[in-house]
Amino acid sequence: MYKEAILTAKKHYNSLMENDYKTWLETLSKDIKENADIKGSTAYFWWETGRRYVEKYGVRYEFHKIDTRYSSKNRVKIFFKRLNPDGSLRGSPVPIVLTVENHEWKVMQASY
C-alpha cells in the first residue's frame, strides 16, 4: 500500500546524502517547497541540518519501518535508521511523514 511513499522517502534521504538539492526539493510538498530558498524556512532548516549530519558525522539513512498507527490512505509515517559510517545506530530512528498531493507522495515533515 505504501510502496510509492517509501520510494519517495528513500529518494528524499538519498538526494540529501548525495548533495542533490534539486532532486531533494522535488520530494517536498508544495507549501514547504515554495519557501525553500528563504533562510530560516522549514525546508532551508531541513536541508542545512541534514547536510550537517552527512558532512560532519558521515551518517546515512536506511528504511526501518512504517508506523501504521499514524498512517492512512493519504498519509504515512515512516521511520529511517540514522547510521554512522561503521553501520552503528546514531540515536533513535527518525520519522518522516508523507502525504498525497496531486496523486503523488510528498514530504510534509522530515527529521534528520
PDB file of N, CA and C in Angstrom:
ATOM      1  N   MET A   1       0.813  -1.206   0.000  1.00  0.00           N
ATOM      2  CA  MET A   1       0.000   0.000   0.000  1.00  0.00           C
ATOM      3  C   MET A   1       0.857   1.271   0.000  1.00  0.00           C
ATOM      4  N   TYR A   2       2.000   1.221   0.644  1.00  0.00           N
ATOM      5  CA  TYR A   2       2.838   2.422   0.782  1.00  0.00           C
ATOM      6  C   TYR A   2       4.131   2.350  -0.025  1.00  0.00           C
ATOM      7  N   LYS A   3       4.166   1.490  -1.019  1.00  0.00           N
ATOM      8  CA  LYS A   3       5.383   1.296  -1.808  1.00  0.00           C
ATOM      9  C   LYS A   3       5.906   2.614  -2.400  1.00  0.00           C
ATOM     10  N   GLU A   4       5.029   3.389  -3.012  1.00  0.00           N
ATOM     11  CA  GLU A   4       5.453   4.655  -3.630  1.00  0.00           C
ATOM     12  C   GLU A   4       5.896   5.672  -2.575  1.00  0.00           C
ATOM     13  N   ALA A   5       5.251   5.665  -1.430  1.00  0.00           N
ATOM     14  CA  ALA A   5       5.646   6.572  -0.345  1.00  0.00           C
ATOM     15  C   ALA A   5       7.053   6.241   0.143  1.00  0.00           C
ATOM     16  N   ILE A   6       7.340   4.952   0.283  1.00  0.00           N
ATOM     17  CA  ILE A   6       8.677   4.525   0.711  1.00  0.00           C
ATOM     18  C   ILE A   6       9.716   4.949  -0.324  1.00  0.00           C
ATOM     19  N   LEU A   7       9.404   4.788  -1.601  1.00  0.00           N
ATOM     20  CA  LEU A   7      10.329   5.200  -2.663  1.00  0.00           C
ATOM     21  C   LEU A   7      10.602   6.704  -2.617  1.00  0.00           C
ATOM     22  N   THR A   8       9.568   7.494  -2.366  1.00  0.00           N
ATOM     23  CA  THR A   8       9.746   8.946  -2.264  1.00  0.00           C
ATOM     24  C   THR A   8      10.590   9.301  -1.046  1.00  0.00           C
ATOM     25  N   ALA A   9      10.338   8.656   0.074  1.00  0.00           N
ATOM     26  CA  ALA A   9      11.116   8.908   1.287  1.00  0.00           C
ATOM     27  C   ALA A   9      12.587   8.526   1.075  1.00  0.00           C
ATOM     28  N   LYS A  10      12.822   7.395   0.418  1.00  0.00           N
ATOM     29  CA  LYS A  10      14.197   6.988   0.121  1.00  0.00           C
ATOM     30  C   LYS A  10      14.872   8.001  -0.798  1.00  0.00           C
ATOM     31  N   LYS A  11      14.128   8.480  -1.782  1.00  0.00           N
ATOM     32  CA  LYS A  11      14.655   9.486  -2.707  1.00  0.00           C
ATOM     33  C   LYS A  11      15.015  10.759  -1.937  1.00  0.00           C
ATOM     34  N   HIS A  12      14.184  11.120  -0.972  1.00  0.00           N
ATOM     35  CA  HIS A  12      14.420  12.299  -0.145  1.00  0.00           C
ATOM     36  C   HIS A  12      15.766  12.182   0.581  1.00  0.00           C
ATOM     37  N   TYR A  13      15.958  11.082   1.296  1.00  0.00           N
ATOM     38  CA  TYR A  13      17.197  10.905   2.051  1.00  0.00           C
ATOM     39  C   TYR A  13      18.400  10.656   1.142  1.00  0.00           C
ATOM     40  N   ASN A  14      18.221   9.887   0.063  1.00  0.00           N
ATOM     41  CA  ASN A  14      19.338   9.640  -0.848  1.00  0.00           C
ATOM     42  C   ASN A  14      19.831  10.920  -1.511  1.00  0.00           C
ATOM     43  N   SER A  15      18.914  11.771  -1.934  1.00  0.00           N
ATOM     44  CA  SER A  15      19.341  13.019  -2.563  1.00  0.00           C
ATOM     45  C   SER A  15      20.027  13.937  -1.552  1.00  0.00           C
ATOM     46  N   LEU A  16      19.599  13.885  -0.302  1.00  0.00           N
ATOM     47  CA  LEU A  16      20.276  14.642   0.752  1.00  0.00           C
ATOM     48  C   LEU A  16      21.713  14.132   0.910  1.00  0.00           C
ATOM     49  N   MET A  17      21.880  12.818   0.983  1.00  0.00           N
ATOM     50  CA  MET A  17      23.206  12.239   1.162  1.00  0.00           C
ATOM     51  C   MET A  17      24.107  12.505  -0.049  1.00  0.00           C
ATOM     52  N   GLU A  18      23.507  12.593  -1.234  1.00  0.00           N
ATOM     53  CA  GLU A  18      24.263  12.830  -2.470  1.00  0.00           C
ATOM     54  C   GLU A  18      24.447  14.320  -2.769  1.00  0.00           C
ATOM     55  N   ASN A  19      23.958  15.170  -1.871  1.00  0.00           N
ATOM     56  CA  ASN A  19      24.045  16.627  -2.035  1.00  0.00           C
ATOM     57  C   ASN A  19      23.344  17.097  -3.315  1.00  0.00           C
ATOM     58  N   ASP A  20      22.225  16.469  -3.624  1.00  0.00           N
ATOM     59  CA  ASP A  20      21.440  16.787  -4.821  1.00  0.00           C
ATOM     60  C   ASP A  20      20.201  17.590  -4.392  1.00  0.00           C
ATOM     61  N   TYR A  21      20.393  18.868  -4.237  1.00  0.00           N
ATOM     62  CA  TYR A  21      19.345  19.765  -3.728  1.00  0.00           C
ATOM     63  C   TYR A  21      18.111  19.778  -4.628  1.00  0.00           C
ATOM     64  N   LYS A  22      18.321  19.799  -5.941  1.00  0.00           N
ATOM     65  CA  LYS A  22      17.196  19.869  -6.879  1.00  0.00           C
ATOM     66  C   LYS A  22      16.277  18.648  -6.737  1.00  0.00           C
ATOM     67  N   THR A  23      16.858  17.459  -6.690  1.00  0.00           N
ATOM     68  CA  THR A  23      16.054  16.245  -6.542  1.00  0.00           C
ATOM     69  C   THR A  23      15.394  16.212  -5.169  1.00  0.00           C
ATOM     70  N   TRP A  24      16.127  16.612  -4.142  1.00  0.00           N
ATOM     71  CA  TRP A  24      15.588  16.665  -2.781  1.00  0.00           C
ATOM     72  C   TRP A  24      14.349  17.562  -2.736  1.00  0.00           C
ATOM     73  N   LEU A  25      14.425  18.727  -3.381  1.00  0.00           N
ATOM     74  CA  LEU A  25      13.281  19.658  -3.429  1.00  0.00           C
ATOM     75  C   LEU A  25      12.049  19.013  -4.051  1.00  0.00           C
ATOM     76  N   GLU A  26      12.254  18.181  -5.058  1.00  0.00           N
ATOM     77  CA  GLU A  26      11.139  17.534  -5.757  1.00  0.00           C
ATOM     78  C   GLU A  26      10.328  16.627  -4.837  1.00  0.00           C
ATOM     79  N   THR A  27      10.910  16.196  -3.739  1.00  0.00           N
ATOM     80  CA  THR A  27      10.208  15.295  -2.825  1.00  0.00           C
ATOM     81  C   THR A  27       9.311  16.044  -1.843  1.00  0.00           C
ATOM     82  N   LEU A  28       9.462  17.359  -1.750  1.00  0.00           N
ATOM     83  CA  LEU A  28       8.745  18.148  -0.748  1.00  0.00           C
ATOM     84  C   LEU A  28       7.340  18.542  -1.190  1.00  0.00           C
ATOM     85  N   SER A  29       6.460  18.704  -0.216  1.00  0.00           N
ATOM     86  CA  SER A  29       5.113  19.199  -0.501  1.00  0.00           C
ATOM     87  C   SER A  29       5.205  20.627  -1.029  1.00  0.00           C
ATOM     88  N   LYS A  30       4.193  21.026  -1.749  1.00  0.00           N
ATOM     89  CA  LYS A  30       4.190  22.348  -2.390  1.00  0.00           C
ATOM     90  C   LYS A  30       4.399  23.478  -1.379  1.00  0.00           C
ATOM     91  N   ASP A  31       3.692  23.445  -0.271  1.00  0.00           N
ATOM     92  CA  ASP A  31       3.791  24.518   0.724  1.00  0.00           C
ATOM     93  C   ASP A  31       5.205  24.666   1.274  1.00  0.00           C
ATOM     94  N   ILE A  32       5.861  23.567   1.519  1.00  0.00           N
ATOM     95  CA  ILE A  32       7.216  23.614   2.081  1.00  0.00           C
ATOM     96  C   ILE A  32       8.220  24.000   1.007  1.00  0.00           C
ATOM     97  N   LYS A  33       8.033  23.485  -0.176  1.00  0.00           N
ATOM     98  CA  LYS A  33       8.941  23.752  -1.292  1.00  0.00           C
ATOM     99  C   LYS A  33       8.942  25.221  -1.706  1.00  0.00           C
ATOM    100  N   GLU A  34       7.792  25.875  -1.617  1.00  0.00           N
ATOM    101  CA  GLU A  34       7.658  27.278  -2.055  1.00  0.00           C
ATOM    102  C   GLU A  34       8.648  28.219  -1.391  1.00  0.00           C
ATOM    103  N   ASN A  35       8.971  27.971  -0.121  1.00  0.00           N
ATOM    104  CA  ASN A  35       9.844  28.876   0.625  1.00  0.00           C
ATOM    105  C   ASN A  35      11.231  28.288   0.880  1.00  0.00           C
ATOM    106  N   ALA A  36      11.587  27.264   0.141  1.00  0.00           N
ATOM    107  CA  ALA A  36      12.820  26.524   0.407  1.00  0.00           C
ATOM    108  C   ALA A  36      14.084  27.380   0.386  1.00  0.00           C
ATOM    109  N   ASP A  37      14.117  28.390  -0.462  1.00  0.00           N
ATOM    110  CA  ASP A  37      15.326  29.203  -0.578  1.00  0.00           C
ATOM    111  C   ASP A  37      15.372  30.376   0.391  1.00  0.00           C
ATOM    112  N   ILE A  38      14.372  30.485   1.231  1.00  0.00           N
ATOM    113  CA  ILE A  38      14.337  31.565   2.220  1.00  0.00           C
ATOM    114  C   ILE A  38      15.029  31.089   3.489  1.00  0.00           C
ATOM    115  N   LYS A  39      16.088  31.789   3.863  1.00  0.00           N
ATOM    116  CA  LYS A  39      16.834  31.426   5.068  1.00  0.00           C
ATOM    117  C   LYS A  39      15.880  31.430   6.265  1.00  0.00           C
ATOM    118  N   GLY A  40      15.908  30.346   7.037  1.00  0.00           N
ATOM    119  CA  GLY A  40      15.032  30.226   8.196  1.00  0.00           C
ATOM    120  C   GLY A  40      13.748  29.465   7.918  1.00  0.00           C
ATOM    121  N   SER A  41      13.451  29.192   6.651  1.00  0.00           N
ATOM    122  CA  SER A  41      12.238  28.431   6.326  1.00  0.00           C
ATOM    123  C   SER A  41      12.417  26.977   6.754  1.00  0.00           C
ATOM    124  N   THR A  42      11.320  26.260   6.791  1.00  0.00           N
ATOM    125  CA  THR A  42      11.362  24.848   7.176  1.00  0.00           C
ATOM    126  C   THR A  42      12.307  24.057   6.279  1.00  0.00           C
ATOM    127  N   ALA A  43      12.143  24.182   4.977  1.00  0.00           N
ATOM    128  CA  ALA A  43      12.978  23.422   4.040  1.00  0.00           C
ATOM    129  C   ALA A  43      14.442  23.827   4.156  1.00  0.00           C
ATOM    130  N   TYR A  44      14.682  25.110   4.311  1.00  0.00           N
ATOM    131  CA  TYR A  44      16.059  25.586   4.471  1.00  0.00           C
ATOM    132  C   TYR A  44      16.681  24.943   5.706  1.00  0.00           C
ATOM    133  N   PHE A  45      15.978  24.925   6.805  1.00  0.00           N
ATOM    134  CA  PHE A  45      16.461  24.334   8.046  1.00  0.00           C
ATOM    135  C   PHE A  45      16.699  22.829   7.868  1.00  0.00           C
ATOM    136  N   TRP A  46      15.750  22.139   7.219  1.00  0.00           N
ATOM    137  CA  TRP A  46      15.892  20.702   6.995  1.00  0.00           C
ATOM    138  C   TRP A  46      17.160  20.397   6.200  1.00  0.00           C
ATOM    139  N   TRP A  47      17.341  21.114   5.089  1.00  0.00           N
ATOM    140  CA  TRP A  47      18.494  20.866   4.227  1.00  0.00           C
ATOM    141  C   TRP A  47      19.797  21.107   4.988  1.00  0.00           C
ATOM    142  N   GLU A  48      19.884  22.231   5.673  1.00  0.00           N
ATOM    143  CA  GLU A  48      21.102  22.561   6.426  1.00  0.00           C
ATOM    144  C   GLU A  48      21.383  21.527   7.514  1.00  0.00           C
ATOM    145  N   THR A  49      20.349  21.127   8.232  1.00  0.00           N
ATOM    146  CA  THR A  49      20.514  20.149   9.306  1.00  0.00           C
ATOM    147  C   THR A  49      20.920  18.789   8.749  1.00  0.00           C
ATOM    148  N   GLY A  50      20.217  18.335   7.740  1.00  0.00           N
ATOM    149  CA  GLY A  50      20.519  17.044   7.135  1.00  0.00           C
ATOM    150  C   GLY A  50      21.909  16.994   6.541  1.00  0.00           C
ATOM    151  N   ARG A  51      22.290  18.033   5.833  1.00  0.00           N
ATOM    152  CA  ARG A  51      23.627  18.074   5.234  1.00  0.00           C
ATOM    153  C   ARG A  51      24.711  18.115   6.309  1.00  0.00           C
ATOM    154  N   ARG A  52      24.452  18.804   7.403  1.00  0.00           N
ATOM    155  CA  ARG A  52      25.421  18.854   8.502  1.00  0.00           C
ATOM    156  C   ARG A  52      25.659  17.447   9.064  1.00  0.00           C
ATOM    157  N   TYR A  53      24.588  16.673   9.248  1.00  0.00           N
ATOM    158  CA  TYR A  53      24.741  15.297   9.732  1.00  0.00           C
ATOM    159  C   TYR A  53      25.551  14.456   8.744  1.00  0.00           C
ATOM    160  N   VAL A  54      25.290  14.630   7.464  1.00  0.00           N
ATOM    161  CA  VAL A  54      26.002  13.865   6.444  1.00  0.00           C
ATOM    162  C   VAL A  54      27.471  14.270   6.396  1.00  0.00           C
ATOM    163  N   GLU A  55      27.727  15.570   6.357  1.00  0.00           N
ATOM    164  CA  GLU A  55      29.102  16.056   6.206  1.00  0.00           C
ATOM    165  C   GLU A  55      29.931  15.907   7.479  1.00  0.00           C
ATOM    166  N   LYS A  56      29.361  16.274   8.615  1.00  0.00           N
ATOM    167  CA  LYS A  56      30.115  16.279   9.869  1.00  0.00           C
ATOM    168  C   LYS A  56      30.282  14.881  10.463  1.00  0.00           C
ATOM    169  N   TYR A  57      29.232  14.074  10.388  1.00  0.00           N
ATOM    170  CA  TYR A  57      29.253  12.763  11.043  1.00  0.00           C
ATOM    171  C   TYR A  57      29.273  11.585  10.073  1.00  0.00           C
ATOM    172  N   GLY A  58      29.093  11.851   8.797  1.00  0.00           N
ATOM    173  CA  GLY A  58      29.108  10.775   7.800  1.00  0.00           C
ATOM    174  C   GLY A  58      27.919   9.838   7.877  1.00  0.00           C
ATOM    175  N   VAL A  59      26.785  10.351   8.387  1.00  0.00           N
ATOM    176  CA  VAL A  59      25.620   9.485   8.550  1.00  0.00           C
ATOM    177  C   VAL A  59      24.984   9.136   7.205  1.00  0.00           C
ATOM    178  N   ARG A  60      24.270   8.035   7.235  1.00  0.00           N
ATOM    179  CA  ARG A  60      23.440   7.637   6.100  1.00  0.00           C
ATOM    180  C   ARG A  60      22.100   7.188   6.673  1.00  0.00           C
ATOM    181  N   TYR A  61      21.093   7.185   5.827  1.00  0.00           N
ATOM    182  CA  TYR A  61      19.733   6.859   6.256  1.00  0.00           C
ATOM    183  C   TYR A  61      19.267   5.592   5.555  1.00  0.00           C
ATOM    184  N   GLU A  62      18.622   4.721   6.322  1.00  0.00           N
ATOM    185  CA  GLU A  62      18.160   3.436   5.799  1.00  0.00           C
ATOM    186  C   GLU A  62      16.736   3.187   6.288  1.00  0.00           C
ATOM    187  N   PHE A  63      15.866   2.762   5.375  1.00  0.00           N
ATOM    188  CA  PHE A  63      14.474   2.469   5.727  1.00  0.00           C
ATOM    189  C   PHE A  63      14.415   1.510   6.914  1.00  0.00           C
ATOM    190  N   HIS A  64      13.520   1.808   7.857  1.00  0.00           N
ATOM    191  CA  HIS A  64      13.357   0.976   9.046  1.00  0.00           C
ATOM    192  C   HIS A  64      11.960   0.353   9.089  1.00  0.00           C
ATOM    193  N   LYS A  65      10.917   1.198   9.183  1.00  0.00           N
ATOM    194  CA  LYS A  65       9.559   0.655   9.284  1.00  0.00           C
ATOM    195  C   LYS A  65       8.515   1.737   9.034  1.00  0.00           C
ATOM    196  N   ILE A  66       7.291   1.273   8.820  1.00  0.00           N
ATOM    197  CA  ILE A  66       6.134   2.164   8.706  1.00  0.00           C
ATOM    198  C   ILE A  66       5.402   2.123  10.034  1.00  0.00           C
ATOM    199  N   ASP A  67       4.997   3.283  10.507  1.00  0.00           N
ATOM    200  CA  ASP A  67       4.199   3.360  11.731  1.00  0.00           C
ATOM    201  C   ASP A  67       2.728   3.360  11.316  1.00  0.00           C
ATOM    202  N   THR A  68       2.123   2.189  11.327  1.00  0.00           N
ATOM    203  CA  THR A  68       0.740   2.046  10.859  1.00  0.00           C
ATOM    204  C   THR A  68      -0.263   2.753  11.765  1.00  0.00           C
ATOM    205  N   ARG A  69       0.105   3.008  13.010  1.00  0.00           N
ATOM    206  CA  ARG A  69      -0.816   3.698  13.924  1.00  0.00           C
ATOM    207  C   ARG A  69      -1.095   5.130  13.472  1.00  0.00           C
ATOM    208  N   TYR A  70      -0.143   5.728  12.780  1.00  0.00           N
ATOM    209  CA  TYR A  70      -0.287   7.116  12.348  1.00  0.00           C
ATOM    210  C   TYR A  70      -0.323   7.239  10.830  1.00  0.00           C
ATOM    211  N   SER A  71      -0.756   6.195  10.168  1.00  0.00           N
ATOM    212  CA  SER A  71      -0.819   6.188   8.709  1.00  0.00           C
ATOM    213  C   SER A  71      -2.235   5.895   8.240  1.00  0.00           C
ATOM    214  N   SER A  72      -2.549   6.397   7.063  1.00  0.00           N
ATOM    215  CA  SER A  72      -3.858   6.185   6.457  1.00  0.00           C
ATOM    216  C   SER A  72      -3.667   6.110   4.940  1.00  0.00           C
ATOM    217  N   LYS A  73      -4.756   6.133   4.227  1.00  0.00           N
ATOM    218  CA  LYS A  73      -4.713   6.041   2.769  1.00  0.00           C
ATOM    219  C   LYS A  73      -3.890   7.168   2.135  1.00  0.00           C
ATOM    220  N   ASN A  74      -3.971   8.367   2.703  1.00  0.00           N
ATOM    221  CA  ASN A  74      -3.317   9.531   2.110  1.00  0.00           C
ATOM    222  C   ASN A  74      -2.190  10.123   2.953  1.00  0.00           C
ATOM    223  N   ARG A  75      -1.808   9.409   3.997  1.00  0.00           N
ATOM    224  CA  ARG A  75      -0.765   9.920   4.884  1.00  0.00           C
ATOM    225  C   ARG A  75      -0.012   8.733   5.464  1.00  0.00           C
ATOM    226  N   VAL A  76       1.310   8.855   5.548  1.00  0.00           N
ATOM    227  CA  VAL A  76       2.098   7.756   6.099  1.00  0.00           C
ATOM    228  C   VAL A  76       3.265   8.314   6.915  1.00  0.00           C
ATOM    229  N   LYS A  77       3.514   7.643   8.017  1.00  0.00           N
ATOM    230  CA  LYS A  77       4.660   7.977   8.870  1.00  0.00           C
ATOM    231  C   LYS A  77       5.643   6.815   8.767  1.00  0.00           C
ATOM    232  N   ILE A  78       6.848   7.134   8.336  1.00  0.00           N
ATOM    233  CA  ILE A  78       7.884   6.129   8.100  1.00  0.00           C
ATOM    234  C   ILE A  78       9.084   6.467   8.995  1.00  0.00           C
ATOM    235  N   PHE A  79       9.759   5.449   9.459  1.00  0.00           N
ATOM    236  CA  PHE A  79      10.977   5.658  10.231  1.00  0.00           C
ATOM    237  C   PHE A  79      12.188   5.170   9.440  1.00  0.00           C
ATOM    238  N   PHE A  80      13.259   5.943   9.529  1.00  0.00           N
ATOM    239  CA  PHE A  80      14.536   5.590   8.923  1.00  0.00           C
ATOM    240  C   PHE A  80      15.586   5.509  10.017  1.00  0.00           C
ATOM    241  N   LYS A  81      16.457   4.525   9.884  1.00  0.00           N
ATOM    242  CA  LYS A  81      17.596   4.434  10.789  1.00  0.00           C
ATOM    243  C   LYS A  81      18.625   5.465  10.341  1.00  0.00           C
ATOM    244  N   ARG A  82      19.199   6.172  11.307  1.00  0.00           N
ATOM    245  CA  ARG A  82      20.308   7.091  11.042  1.00  0.00           C
ATOM    246  C   ARG A  82      21.559   6.334  11.468  1.00  0.00           C
ATOM    247  N   LEU A  83      22.407   6.018  10.499  1.00  0.00           N
ATOM    248  CA  LEU A  83      23.553   5.152  10.753  1.00  0.00           C
ATOM    249  C   LEU A  83      24.879   5.901  10.645  1.00  0.00           C
ATOM    250  N   ASN A  84      25.791   5.571  11.528  1.00  0.00           N
ATOM    251  CA  ASN A  84      27.166   6.076  11.465  1.00  0.00           C
ATOM    252  C   ASN A  84      27.898   5.369  10.334  1.00  0.00           C
ATOM    253  N   PRO A  85      29.053   5.873   9.931  1.00  0.00           N
ATOM    254  CA  PRO A  85      29.802   5.225   8.850  1.00  0.00           C
ATOM    255  C   PRO A  85      30.100   3.742   9.099  1.00  0.00           C
ATOM    256  N   ASP A  86      30.235   3.342  10.374  1.00  0.00           N
ATOM    257  CA  ASP A  86      30.522   1.934  10.678  1.00  0.00           C
ATOM    258  C   ASP A  86      29.254   1.068  10.724  1.00  0.00           C
ATOM    259  N   GLY A  87      28.093   1.668  10.458  1.00  0.00           N
ATOM    260  CA  GLY A  87      26.834   0.929  10.442  1.00  0.00           C
ATOM    261  C   GLY A  87      26.090   0.921  11.761  1.00  0.00           C
ATOM    262  N   SER A  88      26.696   1.471  12.810  1.00  0.00           N
ATOM    263  CA  SER A  88      26.012   1.531  14.104  1.00  0.00           C
ATOM    264  C   SER A  88      24.956   2.629  14.101  1.00  0.00           C
ATOM    265  N   LEU A  89      23.950   2.466  14.940  1.00  0.00           N
ATOM    266  CA  LEU A  89      22.884   3.472  15.045  1.00  0.00           C
ATOM    267  C   LEU A  89      23.413   4.765  15.643  1.00  0.00           C
ATOM    268  N   ARG A  90      22.975   5.871  15.102  1.00  0.00           N
ATOM    269  CA  ARG A  90      23.275   7.186  15.672  1.00  0.00           C
ATOM    270  C   ARG A  90      21.940   7.709  16.210  1.00  0.00           C
ATOM    271  N   GLY A  91      21.672   7.462  17.471  1.00  0.00           N
ATOM    272  CA  GLY A  91      20.408   7.854  18.065  1.00  0.00           C
ATOM    273  C   GLY A  91      19.286   6.933  17.635  1.00  0.00           C
ATOM    274  N   SER A  92      18.081   7.382  17.885  1.00  0.00           N
ATOM    275  CA  SER A  92      16.890   6.607  17.535  1.00  0.00           C
ATOM    276  C   SER A  92      16.544   6.799  16.060  1.00  0.00           C
ATOM    277  N   PRO A  93      15.796   5.858  15.478  1.00  0.00           N
ATOM    278  CA  PRO A  93      15.314   6.065  14.111  1.00  0.00           C
ATOM    279  C   PRO A  93      14.509   7.373  14.013  1.00  0.00           C
ATOM    280  N   VAL A  94      14.615   8.035  12.873  1.00  0.00           N
ATOM    281  CA  VAL A  94      13.974   9.338  12.678  1.00  0.00           C
ATOM    282  C   VAL A  94      12.721   9.202  11.810  1.00  0.00           C
ATOM    283  N   PRO A  95      11.669   9.974  12.138  1.00  0.00           N
ATOM    284  CA  PRO A  95      10.430   9.892  11.361  1.00  0.00           C
ATOM    285  C   PRO A  95      10.408  10.850  10.173  1.00  0.00           C
ATOM    286  N   ILE A  96       9.676  10.434   9.167  1.00  0.00           N
ATOM    287  CA  ILE A  96       9.370  11.279   8.017  1.00  0.00           C
ATOM    288  C   ILE A  96       7.892  11.034   7.701  1.00  0.00           C
ATOM    289  N   VAL A  97       7.151  12.099   7.459  1.00  0.00           N
ATOM    290  CA  VAL A  97       5.722  11.993   7.186  1.00  0.00           C
ATOM    291  C   VAL A  97       5.472  12.473   5.763  1.00  0.00           C
ATOM    292  N   LEU A  98       4.745  11.652   5.015  1.00  0.00           N
ATOM    293  CA  LEU A  98       4.403  11.992   3.645  1.00  0.00           C
ATOM    294  C   LEU A  98       2.895  12.013   3.487  1.00  0.00           C
ATOM    295  N   THR A  99       2.454  12.811   2.539  1.00  0.00           N
ATOM    296  CA  THR A  99       1.032  12.907   2.242  1.00  0.00           C
ATOM    297  C   THR A  99       0.854  12.896   0.724  1.00  0.00           C
ATOM    298  N   VAL A 100      -0.329  12.514   0.298  1.00  0.00           N
ATOM    299  CA  VAL A 100      -0.621  12.502  -1.135  1.00  0.00           C
ATOM    300  C   VAL A 100      -0.996  13.917  -1.570  1.00  0.00           C
ATOM    301  N   GLU A 101      -0.309  14.367  -2.615  1.00  0.00           N
ATOM    302  CA  GLU A 101      -0.538  15.698  -3.178  1.00  0.00           C
ATOM    303  C   GLU A 101      -0.544  15.548  -4.696  1.00  0.00           C
ATOM    304  N   ASN A 102      -1.666  15.828  -5.323  1.00  0.00           N
ATOM    305  CA  ASN A 102      -1.806  15.658  -6.774  1.00  0.00           C
ATOM    306  C   ASN A 102      -1.399  14.243  -7.207  1.00  0.00           C
ATOM    307  N   HIS A 103      -1.884  13.259  -6.488  1.00  0.00           N
ATOM    308  CA  HIS A 103      -1.673  11.841  -6.795  1.00  0.00           C
ATOM    309  C   HIS A 103      -0.224  11.366  -6.634  1.00  0.00           C
ATOM    310  N   GLU A 104       0.584  12.156  -5.913  1.00  0.00           N
ATOM    311  CA  GLU A 104       1.976  11.775  -5.643  1.00  0.00           C
ATOM    312  C   GLU A 104       2.265  11.922  -4.156  1.00  0.00           C
ATOM    313  N   TRP A 105       3.119  11.062  -3.642  1.00  0.00           N
ATOM    314  CA  TRP A 105       3.546  11.181  -2.253  1.00  0.00           C
ATOM    315  C   TRP A 105       4.582  12.283  -2.135  1.00  0.00           C
ATOM    316  N   LYS A 106       4.372  13.186  -1.162  1.00  0.00           N
ATOM    317  CA  LYS A 106       5.289  14.300  -0.929  1.00  0.00           C
ATOM    318  C   LYS A 106       5.582  14.412   0.570  1.00  0.00           C
ATOM    319  N   VAL A 107       6.787  14.856   0.876  1.00  0.00           N
ATOM    320  CA  VAL A 107       7.221  15.006   2.270  1.00  0.00           C
ATOM    321  C   VAL A 107       6.597  16.261   2.878  1.00  0.00           C
ATOM    322  N   MET A 108       5.952  16.057   4.032  1.00  0.00           N
ATOM    323  CA  MET A 108       5.387  17.213   4.739  1.00  0.00           C
ATOM    324  C   MET A 108       6.078  17.446   6.079  1.00  0.00           C
ATOM    325  N   GLN A 109       6.842  16.452   6.535  1.00  0.00           N
ATOM    326  CA  GLN A 109       7.623  16.606   7.769  1.00  0.00           C
ATOM    327  C   GLN A 109       8.775  15.631   7.708  1.00  0.00           C
ATOM    328  N   ALA A 110       9.972  16.117   8.029  1.00  0.00           N
ATOM    329  CA  ALA A 110      11.142  15.252   7.980  1.00  0.00           C
ATOM    330  C   ALA A 110      12.026  15.510   9.196  1.00  0.00           C
ATOM    331  N   SER A 111      12.779  14.495   9.537  1.00  0.00           N
ATOM    332  CA  SER A 111      13.732  14.593  10.640  1.00  0.00           C
ATOM    333  C   SER A 111      15.068  14.040  10.173  1.00  0.00           C
ATOM    334  N   TYR A 112      16.115  14.561  10.782  1.00  0.00           N
ATOM    335  CA  TYR A 112      17.464  14.140  10.403  1.00  0.00           C
ATOM    336  C   TYR A 112      18.258  13.831  11.635  1.00  0.00           C
TER     337      TYR A 112
END
